[in-house]
Amino acid sequence: MLYPLYVHIGDAKHAHGVSFPDFPGCFAAADEWEDLPRAVQEAVEAHFADGDEMVPEPTPLEQLVPNPEYNGGVWMLFDVDLSRINSRAIRLNISLPERLVQQIDEAARVRRMSRSAFLALAAEHEMAGH
């Protein structure tokens, strides 16, 4: 998902610093411009690592640009891979055939996983294949 980020342009002695208006307290830095996407993704993953906080929707750039807090740098849109972020678990109530549940439980047990973790992994695997 594209998020607006503010980049404080570095120089020969200072890295480029990134501020995340939608993720207060999250910051990234990189010496080279081409390293910013990786640094941004790593910072966001670390920021949401505990899974306690919901990832907010991006704020429209036009709402952020007039803010005098952001000056002396440039706005950029970064594509943050939200699938790599631990988000808060949500309880679901689903119905499955009993035999399928038994097979899921056995497969999860062999892998030393919970039923929920196994189903999440299976769903991610299936979606990645399409």
Protein backbone atom coordinates (compact mmCIF):
# COMPACT_ATOMS: atom_id res chain seq x y z
CA MET A 1 0.00 0.00 0.00
CA LEU A 2 1.32 3.45 -0.86
CA TYR A 3 2.10 5.59 2.19
CA PRO A 4 3.25 9.22 2.12
CA LEU A 5 6.60 9.63 3.82
CA TYR A 6 8.66 12.71 4.42
CA VAL A 7 12.36 12.47 3.55
CA HIS A 8 14.84 14.79 5.22
CA ILE A 9 17.55 14.96 2.58
CA GLY A 10 20.99 13.96 3.81
CA ASP A 11 24.42 15.03 2.70
CA ALA A 12 27.97 13.66 2.70
CA LYS A 13 27.93 13.46 6.51
CA HIS A 14 24.26 12.66 7.20
CA ALA A 15 21.90 9.92 6.05
CA HIS A 16 18.54 10.61 4.45
CA GLY A 17 15.99 10.48 7.30
CA VAL A 18 12.42 9.33 6.81
CA SER A 19 9.42 10.39 8.91
CA PHE A 20 6.18 8.39 8.82
CA PRO A 21 3.19 10.68 9.48
CA ASP A 22 0.83 7.69 9.68
CA PHE A 23 3.09 5.74 12.08
CA PRO A 24 4.08 8.09 14.94
CA GLY A 25 7.42 7.13 16.43
CA CYS A 26 8.56 5.23 13.34
CA PHE A 27 11.69 6.47 11.57
CA ALA A 28 14.09 5.16 8.94
CA ALA A 29 17.39 6.30 7.47
CA ALA A 30 19.65 5.37 4.57
CA ASP A 31 22.84 6.81 3.13
CA GLU A 32 21.80 6.17 -0.49
CA TRP A 33 18.47 6.92 -2.16
CA GLU A 34 18.22 3.41 -3.58
CA ASP A 35 18.44 1.98 -0.04
CA LEU A 36 15.39 3.92 1.21
CA PRO A 37 12.69 1.39 0.17
CA ARG A 38 14.40 -1.43 2.10
CA ALA A 39 14.99 0.82 5.12
CA VAL A 40 11.36 1.96 5.07
CA GLN A 41 10.01 -1.60 4.91
CA GLU A 42 12.30 -2.75 7.74
CA ALA A 43 11.31 0.22 9.92
CA VAL A 44 7.60 -0.42 9.42
CA GLU A 45 7.98 -4.14 10.15
CA ALA A 46 9.89 -3.36 13.35
CA HIS A 47 7.34 -0.71 14.36
CA PHE A 48 4.46 -3.19 14.14
CA ALA A 49 6.43 -6.28 15.27
CA ASP A 50 4.41 -6.86 18.44
CA GLY A 51 1.14 -7.03 16.52
CA ASP A 52 -0.72 -4.96 19.11
CA GLU A 53 -1.35 -1.94 16.92
CA MET A 54 -3.61 -1.80 13.87
CA VAL A 55 -1.98 -0.48 10.70
CA PRO A 56 -3.81 2.72 9.73
CA GLU A 57 -4.91 3.67 6.25
CA PRO A 58 -2.60 6.16 4.51
CA THR A 59 -3.37 9.82 5.02
CA PRO A 60 -3.99 11.60 1.71
CA LEU A 61 -0.88 13.53 0.71
CA GLU A 62 -2.85 16.72 0.15
CA GLN A 63 -3.73 16.76 3.87
CA LEU A 64 -0.07 16.46 4.88
CA VAL A 65 1.67 18.86 2.50
CA PRO A 66 0.43 22.10 4.15
CA ASN A 67 1.72 21.02 7.60
CA PRO A 68 4.56 23.41 8.59
CA GLU A 69 6.17 20.60 10.61
CA TYR A 70 7.42 19.18 7.33
CA ASN A 71 9.86 21.58 5.73
CA GLY A 72 13.27 21.34 4.13
CA GLY A 73 12.74 17.89 2.64
CA VAL A 74 10.60 16.09 0.08
CA TRP A 75 7.43 14.01 0.12
CA MET A 76 7.59 10.55 -1.40
CA LEU A 77 5.10 7.73 -1.71
CA PHE A 78 6.50 4.37 -0.63
CA ASP A 79 4.89 1.03 -1.32
CA VAL A 80 4.82 -0.68 2.09
CA ASP A 81 4.24 -4.44 1.91
CA LEU A 82 1.58 -4.85 4.59
CA SER A 83 1.60 -8.64 4.18
CA ARG A 84 4.96 -8.66 5.98
CA ILE A 85 3.59 -6.87 9.04
CA ASN A 86 2.35 -8.64 12.13
CA SER A 87 -1.12 -7.34 12.63
CA ARG A 88 -3.43 -7.95 15.53
CA ALA A 89 -5.11 -11.35 15.42
CA ILE A 90 -8.84 -11.37 14.83
CA ARG A 91 -11.02 -14.19 16.11
CA LEU A 92 -13.12 -15.87 13.40
CA ASN A 93 -15.96 -18.31 13.59
CA ILE A 94 -15.89 -20.65 10.58
CA SER A 95 -17.50 -23.97 9.75
CA LEU A 96 -15.54 -26.82 8.18
CA PRO A 97 -16.27 -30.51 7.69
CA GLU A 98 -15.22 -32.52 10.75
CA ARG A 99 -12.86 -34.75 8.75
CA LEU A 100 -11.09 -31.69 7.32
CA VAL A 101 -10.65 -30.24 10.81
CA GLN A 102 -9.09 -33.52 11.93
CA GLN A 103 -6.68 -33.42 8.98
CA ILE A 104 -5.81 -29.79 9.69
CA ASP A 105 -5.17 -30.54 13.35
CA GLU A 106 -2.92 -33.48 12.49
CA ALA A 107 -0.94 -31.47 9.94
CA ALA A 108 -0.58 -28.60 12.43
CA ARG A 109 0.53 -31.01 15.20
CA VAL A 110 3.22 -32.54 12.97
CA ARG A 111 4.51 -29.03 12.22
CA ARG A 112 4.24 -28.01 15.89
CA MET A 113 1.80 -25.26 15.00
CA SER A 114 -1.56 -24.18 16.31
CA ARG A 115 -4.63 -24.73 14.15
CA SER A 116 -4.87 -20.96 13.63
CA ALA A 117 -1.23 -20.63 12.60
CA PHE A 118 -1.58 -23.55 10.18
CA LEU A 119 -4.73 -22.11 8.58
CA ALA A 120 -3.11 -18.68 8.26
CA LEU A 121 -0.03 -20.21 6.62
CA ALA A 122 -2.19 -22.29 4.25
CA ALA A 123 -4.23 -19.23 3.28
CA GLU A 124 -1.08 -17.15 2.63
CA HIS A 125 0.39 -19.99 0.57
CA GLU A 126 -2.79 -20.32 -1.50
CA MET A 127 -3.03 -16.57 -2.15
CA ALA A 128 0.64 -16.33 -3.14
CA GLY A 129 0.08 -18.99 -5.78
CA HIS A 130 -2.60 -16.99 -7.58
